[in-house]
Amino acid sequence: MTIDEAIKERIDRFNKLWKNAVGYTFEEEPEALKESNQRKKDEWNETLSKYEEKYGFKDDDSFMEYLGDHGFWDEGTPDIPQEVEDLFRARPKYESSLYPYEMTVIRQARSIAEFVEERASENGITPTEQWDRYVVECGPEATNFGFVKVLESYGYTGWSDGHSGNTAAQSLLFALTLVKWREDFKYLHGAMAGIVGDAGYHDDRGDVREHVKNMKNGEEQGA
């Protein structure tokens, strides 16, 4: 299995999870949420416009400006009517797609895994052995960014700017899995699951448990 095939399996799995849960695929989520959020925004602005004569609300910007001008964010009791407070509580929450985040991590992981494969080929060893050499050189107290610096010392130039602690950690975990356990890559938790949980990925991990069960049964039969 190639790196790209493993990535496709992962995206296909997520597409299926999304389709079953919400009626559109993981890859379709950005556009679907864009449309959903726009509908919420239009409905909200229409609601606010009913208060234009009374409070001057034309849209969400003017609503938020009103709150600031009347001390809503200050300590103490804000100088605003109860119905405006009720409006604030009814303010819509817009959804963000997990797809761009996931793909950012996957692209970074692919870049690292491909680099390790190339260096392994040049050195006449397996990608797993090449990865382990980098780990040894990194030392027992290595950090994620420390590991990247080791890669860069051997010519890696693909590390993107602006990584958070989570995207860095997930990129390296994804890369490690693509190098050593490619067939299992599709089963890794979502890159943002540590923040939004597996439920945020519509993932009950049922197929993962089945996969682990089958692996154990295979090991027992081969023993």
C-alpha atoms as a PDB file:
ATOM      1  CA  MET A   1       0.000   0.000   0.000  1.00  0.00           C
ATOM      2  CA  THR A   2       1.332   3.430  -0.927  1.00  0.00           C
ATOM      3  CA  ILE A   3       1.141   6.517   1.254  1.00  0.00           C
ATOM      4  CA  ASP A   4      -1.499   8.060  -0.993  1.00  0.00           C
ATOM      5  CA  GLU A   5      -3.572   4.878  -0.926  1.00  0.00           C
ATOM      6  CA  ALA A   6      -3.497   4.877   2.870  1.00  0.00           C
ATOM      7  CA  ILE A   7      -4.593   8.507   2.925  1.00  0.00           C
ATOM      8  CA  LYS A   8      -7.424   7.774   0.493  1.00  0.00           C
ATOM      9  CA  GLU A   9      -8.620   4.926   2.725  1.00  0.00           C
ATOM     10  CA  ARG A  10      -8.742   7.337   5.648  1.00  0.00           C
ATOM     11  CA  ILE A  11     -10.698   9.979   3.755  1.00  0.00           C
ATOM     12  CA  ASP A  12     -13.048   7.318   2.392  1.00  0.00           C
ATOM     13  CA  ARG A  13     -13.709   6.112   5.943  1.00  0.00           C
ATOM     14  CA  PHE A  14     -14.489   9.648   7.110  1.00  0.00           C
ATOM     15  CA  ASN A  15     -16.680  10.260   4.062  1.00  0.00           C
ATOM     16  CA  LYS A  16     -18.741   7.222   5.030  1.00  0.00           C
ATOM     17  CA  LEU A  17     -19.017   8.310   8.680  1.00  0.00           C
ATOM     18  CA  TRP A  18     -20.200  11.796   7.669  1.00  0.00           C
ATOM     19  CA  LYS A  19     -22.616  10.528   5.024  1.00  0.00           C
ATOM     20  CA  ASN A  20     -24.285   8.180   7.484  1.00  0.00           C
ATOM     21  CA  ALA A  21     -24.516  10.859  10.183  1.00  0.00           C
ATOM     22  CA  VAL A  22     -25.379  14.087   8.377  1.00  0.00           C
ATOM     23  CA  GLY A  23     -26.138  13.224   4.765  1.00  0.00           C
ATOM     24  CA  TYR A  24     -23.031  14.724   3.184  1.00  0.00           C
ATOM     25  CA  THR A  25     -19.429  13.545   3.050  1.00  0.00           C
ATOM     26  CA  PHE A  26     -16.404  14.728   4.980  1.00  0.00           C
ATOM     27  CA  GLU A  27     -15.048  16.305   1.812  1.00  0.00           C
ATOM     28  CA  GLU A  28     -18.368  18.091   1.248  1.00  0.00           C
ATOM     29  CA  GLU A  29     -18.507  19.456   4.795  1.00  0.00           C
ATOM     30  CA  PRO A  30     -16.826  22.855   4.209  1.00  0.00           C
ATOM     31  CA  GLU A  31     -19.342  23.849   1.545  1.00  0.00           C
ATOM     32  CA  ALA A  32     -22.285  22.355   3.445  1.00  0.00           C
ATOM     33  CA  LEU A  33     -21.418  24.274   6.612  1.00  0.00           C
ATOM     34  CA  LYS A  34     -20.772  27.441   4.639  1.00  0.00           C
ATOM     35  CA  GLU A  35     -24.312  27.273   3.312  1.00  0.00           C
ATOM     36  CA  SER A  36     -25.742  26.372   6.725  1.00  0.00           C
ATOM     37  CA  ASN A  37     -23.886  29.197   8.456  1.00  0.00           C
ATOM     38  CA  GLN A  38     -25.019  31.676   5.818  1.00  0.00           C
ATOM     39  CA  ARG A  39     -28.646  30.687   6.400  1.00  0.00           C
ATOM     40  CA  LYS A  40     -28.193  31.189  10.141  1.00  0.00           C
ATOM     41  CA  LYS A  41     -26.588  34.571   9.534  1.00  0.00           C
ATOM     42  CA  ASP A  42     -29.366  35.713   7.201  1.00  0.00           C
ATOM     43  CA  GLU A  43     -32.070  34.614   9.651  1.00  0.00           C
ATOM     44  CA  TRP A  44     -30.261  36.313  12.538  1.00  0.00           C
ATOM     45  CA  ASN A  45     -29.857  39.586  10.680  1.00  0.00           C
ATOM     46  CA  GLU A  46     -33.527  39.470   9.739  1.00  0.00           C
ATOM     47  CA  THR A  47     -34.388  39.048  13.432  1.00  0.00           C
ATOM     48  CA  LEU A  48     -32.166  41.975  14.415  1.00  0.00           C
ATOM     49  CA  SER A  49     -33.657  44.217  11.749  1.00  0.00           C
ATOM     50  CA  LYS A  50     -36.963  44.080  13.617  1.00  0.00           C
ATOM     51  CA  TYR A  51     -35.264  46.052  16.387  1.00  0.00           C
ATOM     52  CA  GLU A  52     -33.717  48.680  14.127  1.00  0.00           C
ATOM     53  CA  GLU A  53     -36.141  51.433  15.018  1.00  0.00           C
ATOM     54  CA  LYS A  54     -35.910  50.706  18.748  1.00  0.00           C
ATOM     55  CA  TYR A  55     -32.172  50.033  19.144  1.00  0.00           C
ATOM     56  CA  GLY A  56     -30.574  50.738  15.768  1.00  0.00           C
ATOM     57  CA  PHE A  57     -29.769  47.096  15.016  1.00  0.00           C
ATOM     58  CA  LYS A  58     -29.154  46.512  11.320  1.00  0.00           C
ATOM     59  CA  ASP A  59     -26.976  43.422  11.535  1.00  0.00           C
ATOM     60  CA  ASP A  60     -24.768  41.485  13.945  1.00  0.00           C
ATOM     61  CA  ASP A  61     -22.008  44.101  13.814  1.00  0.00           C
ATOM     62  CA  SER A  62     -24.323  46.876  14.951  1.00  0.00           C
ATOM     63  CA  PHE A  63     -25.766  44.554  17.609  1.00  0.00           C
ATOM     64  CA  MET A  64     -22.330  43.795  19.053  1.00  0.00           C
ATOM     65  CA  GLU A  65     -21.387  47.467  18.892  1.00  0.00           C
ATOM     66  CA  TYR A  66     -24.508  48.304  20.912  1.00  0.00           C
ATOM     67  CA  LEU A  67     -23.531  45.765  23.572  1.00  0.00           C
ATOM     68  CA  GLY A  68     -20.046  47.250  23.848  1.00  0.00           C
ATOM     69  CA  ASP A  69     -21.334  50.819  24.041  1.00  0.00           C
ATOM     70  CA  HIS A  70     -23.684  49.868  26.874  1.00  0.00           C
ATOM     71  CA  GLY A  71     -21.151  48.077  29.062  1.00  0.00           C
ATOM     72  CA  PHE A  72     -22.191  44.504  28.346  1.00  0.00           C
ATOM     73  CA  TRP A  73     -18.592  43.272  28.601  1.00  0.00           C
ATOM     74  CA  ASP A  74     -17.756  45.354  31.682  1.00  0.00           C
ATOM     75  CA  GLU A  75     -17.921  44.180  35.284  1.00  0.00           C
ATOM     76  CA  GLY A  76     -21.173  44.770  37.075  1.00  0.00           C
ATOM     77  CA  THR A  77     -24.704  44.951  35.723  1.00  0.00           C
ATOM     78  CA  PRO A  78     -24.856  46.023  32.069  1.00  0.00           C
ATOM     79  CA  ASP A  79     -27.040  48.971  31.144  1.00  0.00           C
ATOM     80  CA  ILE A  80     -29.156  47.123  28.605  1.00  0.00           C
ATOM     81  CA  PRO A  81     -32.786  45.998  28.454  1.00  0.00           C
ATOM     82  CA  GLN A  82     -33.671  42.401  29.257  1.00  0.00           C
ATOM     83  CA  GLU A  83     -34.873  41.734  25.714  1.00  0.00           C
ATOM     84  CA  VAL A  84     -31.421  42.650  24.387  1.00  0.00           C
ATOM     85  CA  GLU A  85     -29.820  40.222  26.833  1.00  0.00           C
ATOM     86  CA  ASP A  86     -32.276  37.594  25.607  1.00  0.00           C
ATOM     87  CA  LEU A  87     -31.255  38.355  22.041  1.00  0.00           C
ATOM     88  CA  PHE A  88     -27.625  37.829  22.930  1.00  0.00           C
ATOM     89  CA  ARG A  89     -28.416  34.411  24.366  1.00  0.00           C
ATOM     90  CA  ALA A  90     -30.244  33.576  21.133  1.00  0.00           C
ATOM     91  CA  ARG A  91     -27.291  34.627  18.975  1.00  0.00           C
ATOM     92  CA  PRO A  92     -26.538  31.723  16.598  1.00  0.00           C
ATOM     93  CA  LYS A  93     -23.464  29.550  16.915  1.00  0.00           C
ATOM     94  CA  TYR A  94     -21.680  28.950  13.648  1.00  0.00           C
ATOM     95  CA  GLU A  95     -20.032  25.619  12.887  1.00  0.00           C
ATOM     96  CA  SER A  96     -16.491  25.174  11.646  1.00  0.00           C
ATOM     97  CA  SER A  97     -15.502  22.294   9.384  1.00  0.00           C
ATOM     98  CA  LEU A  98     -12.956  19.768  10.621  1.00  0.00           C
ATOM     99  CA  TYR A  99     -11.902  19.015   7.058  1.00  0.00           C
ATOM    100  CA  PRO A 100      -9.304  21.806   6.543  1.00  0.00           C
ATOM    101  CA  TYR A 101      -7.653  21.012   9.882  1.00  0.00           C
ATOM    102  CA  GLU A 102      -7.515  17.300   9.130  1.00  0.00           C
ATOM    103  CA  MET A 103      -6.089  17.837   5.663  1.00  0.00           C
ATOM    104  CA  THR A 104      -3.445  20.258   6.957  1.00  0.00           C
ATOM    105  CA  VAL A 105      -2.192  17.548   9.314  1.00  0.00           C
ATOM    106  CA  ILE A 106      -2.403  14.865   6.628  1.00  0.00           C
ATOM    107  CA  ARG A 107      -0.416  16.958   4.130  1.00  0.00           C
ATOM    108  CA  GLN A 108       2.290  17.542   6.708  1.00  0.00           C
ATOM    109  CA  ALA A 109       2.371  13.858   7.634  1.00  0.00           C
ATOM    110  CA  ARG A 110       2.613  12.825   3.995  1.00  0.00           C
ATOM    111  CA  SER A 111       5.551  15.178   3.491  1.00  0.00           C
ATOM    112  CA  ILE A 112       7.431  13.678   6.444  1.00  0.00           C
ATOM    113  CA  ALA A 113       6.625  10.072   5.528  1.00  0.00           C
ATOM    114  CA  GLU A 114       7.774  10.609   1.945  1.00  0.00           C
ATOM    115  CA  PHE A 115      11.014  12.169   3.173  1.00  0.00           C
ATOM    116  CA  VAL A 116      11.692   9.193   5.446  1.00  0.00           C
ATOM    117  CA  GLU A 117      10.963   6.776   2.597  1.00  0.00           C
ATOM    118  CA  GLU A 118      13.354   8.623   0.277  1.00  0.00           C
ATOM    119  CA  ARG A 119      16.174   8.652   2.835  1.00  0.00           C
ATOM    120  CA  ALA A 120      15.586   4.979   3.641  1.00  0.00           C
ATOM    121  CA  SER A 121      15.861   4.087  -0.036  1.00  0.00           C
ATOM    122  CA  GLU A 122      19.096   6.046  -0.343  1.00  0.00           C
ATOM    123  CA  ASN A 123      20.524   4.291   2.713  1.00  0.00           C
ATOM    124  CA  GLY A 124      19.381   0.807   1.721  1.00  0.00           C
ATOM    125  CA  ILE A 125      17.246   0.287   4.824  1.00  0.00           C
ATOM    126  CA  THR A 126      13.530   0.079   5.558  1.00  0.00           C
ATOM    127  CA  PRO A 127      11.502   3.225   6.325  1.00  0.00           C
ATOM    128  CA  THR A 128      10.916   1.871   9.832  1.00  0.00           C
ATOM    129  CA  GLU A 129      14.662   1.543  10.412  1.00  0.00           C
ATOM    130  CA  GLN A 130      15.193   5.044   9.044  1.00  0.00           C
ATOM    131  CA  TRP A 131      12.562   6.508  11.363  1.00  0.00           C
ATOM    132  CA  ASP A 132      14.085   4.712  14.342  1.00  0.00           C
ATOM    133  CA  ARG A 133      17.515   6.130  13.513  1.00  0.00           C
ATOM    134  CA  TYR A 134      16.092   9.632  13.667  1.00  0.00           C
ATOM    135  CA  VAL A 135      14.441   8.812  16.994  1.00  0.00           C
ATOM    136  CA  VAL A 136      17.741   7.565  18.449  1.00  0.00           C
ATOM    137  CA  GLU A 137      19.528  10.687  17.279  1.00  0.00           C
ATOM    138  CA  CYS A 138      16.810  12.849  18.767  1.00  0.00           C
ATOM    139  CA  GLY A 139      17.477  11.409  22.229  1.00  0.00           C
ATOM    140  CA  PRO A 140      15.307  10.169  25.091  1.00  0.00           C
ATOM    141  CA  GLU A 141      13.913  13.616  25.960  1.00  0.00           C
ATOM    142  CA  ALA A 142      12.944  14.541  22.437  1.00  0.00           C
ATOM    143  CA  THR A 143      10.081  16.920  21.743  1.00  0.00           C
ATOM    144  CA  ASN A 144       7.990  16.990  18.603  1.00  0.00           C
ATOM    145  CA  PHE A 145       9.740  20.097  17.385  1.00  0.00           C
ATOM    146  CA  GLY A 146      13.079  18.583  18.362  1.00  0.00           C
ATOM    147  CA  PHE A 147      12.362  15.606  16.141  1.00  0.00           C
ATOM    148  CA  VAL A 148      11.555  17.953  13.268  1.00  0.00           C
ATOM    149  CA  LYS A 149      14.906  19.702  13.751  1.00  0.00           C
ATOM    150  CA  VAL A 150      16.643  16.339  13.399  1.00  0.00           C
ATOM    151  CA  LEU A 151      14.787  15.758  10.126  1.00  0.00           C
ATOM    152  CA  GLU A 152      15.762  19.225   8.956  1.00  0.00           C
ATOM    153  CA  SER A 153      19.407  18.562   9.767  1.00  0.00           C
ATOM    154  CA  TYR A 154      19.218  15.769   7.162  1.00  0.00           C
ATOM    155  CA  GLY A 155      17.687  17.965   4.508  1.00  0.00           C
ATOM    156  CA  TYR A 156      13.965  17.972   5.259  1.00  0.00           C
ATOM    157  CA  THR A 157      12.435  21.278   4.131  1.00  0.00           C
ATOM    158  CA  GLY A 158       8.727  20.532   4.259  1.00  0.00           C
ATOM    159  CA  TRP A 159       7.804  21.652   7.782  1.00  0.00           C
ATOM    160  CA  SER A 160       5.132  24.352   7.597  1.00  0.00           C
ATOM    161  CA  ASP A 161       5.113  27.496   9.704  1.00  0.00           C
ATOM    162  CA  GLY A 162       2.402  28.154  12.253  1.00  0.00           C
ATOM    163  CA  HIS A 163       1.981  24.728  13.835  1.00  0.00           C
ATOM    164  CA  SER A 164       0.253  24.532  17.190  1.00  0.00           C
ATOM    165  CA  GLY A 165       1.264  21.919  19.723  1.00  0.00           C
ATOM    166  CA  ASN A 166      -1.623  19.731  18.582  1.00  0.00           C
ATOM    167  CA  THR A 167      -1.022  19.977  14.838  1.00  0.00           C
ATOM    168  CA  ALA A 168       2.686  19.255  15.365  1.00  0.00           C
ATOM    169  CA  ALA A 169       1.974  16.210  17.543  1.00  0.00           C
ATOM    170  CA  GLN A 170      -0.728  14.886  15.239  1.00  0.00           C
ATOM    171  CA  SER A 171       1.393  15.422  12.125  1.00  0.00           C
ATOM    172  CA  LEU A 172       4.185  13.328  13.595  1.00  0.00           C
ATOM    173  CA  LEU A 173       1.794  10.647  14.838  1.00  0.00           C
ATOM    174  CA  PHE A 174       0.199  10.461  11.411  1.00  0.00           C
ATOM    175  CA  ALA A 175       3.610  10.351   9.739  1.00  0.00           C
ATOM    176  CA  LEU A 176       4.814   7.611  12.107  1.00  0.00           C
ATOM    177  CA  THR A 177       1.741   5.530  11.298  1.00  0.00           C
ATOM    178  CA  LEU A 178       2.176   6.073   7.559  1.00  0.00           C
ATOM    179  CA  VAL A 179       5.765   4.877   7.871  1.00  0.00           C
ATOM    180  CA  LYS A 180       5.292   1.901  10.206  1.00  0.00           C
ATOM    181  CA  TRP A 181       1.634   0.813  10.224  1.00  0.00           C
ATOM    182  CA  ARG A 182       0.200   2.131   6.987  1.00  0.00           C
ATOM    183  CA  GLU A 183      -2.756  -0.270   6.881  1.00  0.00           C
ATOM    184  CA  ASP A 184      -3.971   1.113  10.216  1.00  0.00           C
ATOM    185  CA  PHE A 185      -3.735   4.774   9.237  1.00  0.00           C
ATOM    186  CA  LYS A 186      -7.433   5.054   8.458  1.00  0.00           C
ATOM    187  CA  TYR A 187      -8.300   4.030  12.021  1.00  0.00           C
ATOM    188  CA  LEU A 188      -6.383   6.792  13.810  1.00  0.00           C
ATOM    189  CA  HIS A 189      -8.523   9.226  15.770  1.00  0.00           C
ATOM    190  CA  GLY A 190      -9.266  12.467  13.954  1.00  0.00           C
ATOM    191  CA  ALA A 191      -6.546  15.081  14.174  1.00  0.00           C
ATOM    192  CA  MET A 192      -8.794  17.259  16.329  1.00  0.00           C
ATOM    193  CA  ALA A 193     -10.417  14.441  18.319  1.00  0.00           C
ATOM    194  CA  GLY A 194      -8.414  15.405  21.393  1.00  0.00           C
ATOM    195  CA  ILE A 195     -10.333  18.693  21.348  1.00  0.00           C
ATOM    196  CA  VAL A 196     -13.765  17.822  19.924  1.00  0.00           C
ATOM    197  CA  GLY A 197     -13.836  14.112  20.793  1.00  0.00           C
ATOM    198  CA  ASP A 198     -14.587  11.213  18.470  1.00  0.00           C
ATOM    199  CA  ALA A 199     -18.234  12.310  18.457  1.00  0.00           C
ATOM    200  CA  GLY A 200     -17.144  15.424  16.591  1.00  0.00           C
ATOM    201  CA  TYR A 201     -16.054  13.063  13.818  1.00  0.00           C
ATOM    202  CA  HIS A 202     -19.321  11.085  13.958  1.00  0.00           C
ATOM    203  CA  ASP A 203     -17.070   8.190  14.946  1.00  0.00           C
ATOM    204  CA  ASP A 204     -18.246   5.562  17.436  1.00  0.00           C
ATOM    205  CA  ARG A 205     -15.065   3.538  16.726  1.00  0.00           C
ATOM    206  CA  GLY A 206     -17.192   0.462  16.009  1.00  0.00           C
ATOM    207  CA  ASP A 207     -15.212  -0.565  12.933  1.00  0.00           C
ATOM    208  CA  VAL A 208     -11.988  -0.013  14.862  1.00  0.00           C
ATOM    209  CA  ARG A 209     -13.072  -2.398  17.601  1.00  0.00           C
ATOM    210  CA  GLU A 210     -14.013  -4.940  14.938  1.00  0.00           C
ATOM    211  CA  HIS A 211     -10.610  -4.486  13.288  1.00  0.00           C
ATOM    212  CA  VAL A 212      -8.780  -5.048  16.589  1.00  0.00           C
ATOM    213  CA  LYS A 213     -10.950  -8.097  17.324  1.00  0.00           C
ATOM    214  CA  ASN A 214     -10.143  -9.609  13.922  1.00  0.00           C
ATOM    215  CA  MET A 215      -6.444  -8.967  14.433  1.00  0.00           C
ATOM    216  CA  LYS A 216      -6.500 -10.708  17.812  1.00  0.00           C
ATOM    217  CA  ASN A 217      -8.409 -13.660  16.368  1.00  0.00           C
ATOM    218  CA  GLY A 218      -5.869 -13.928  13.562  1.00  0.00           C
ATOM    219  CA  GLU A 219      -2.982 -13.903  16.016  1.00  0.00           C
ATOM    220  CA  GLU A 220      -4.613 -16.617  18.132  1.00  0.00           C
ATOM    221  CA  GLN A 221      -5.250 -18.811  15.105  1.00  0.00           C
ATOM    222  CA  GLY A 222      -1.677 -18.390  13.959  1.00  0.00           C
ATOM    223  CA  ALA A 223      -0.234 -19.208  17.371  1.00  0.00           C
END
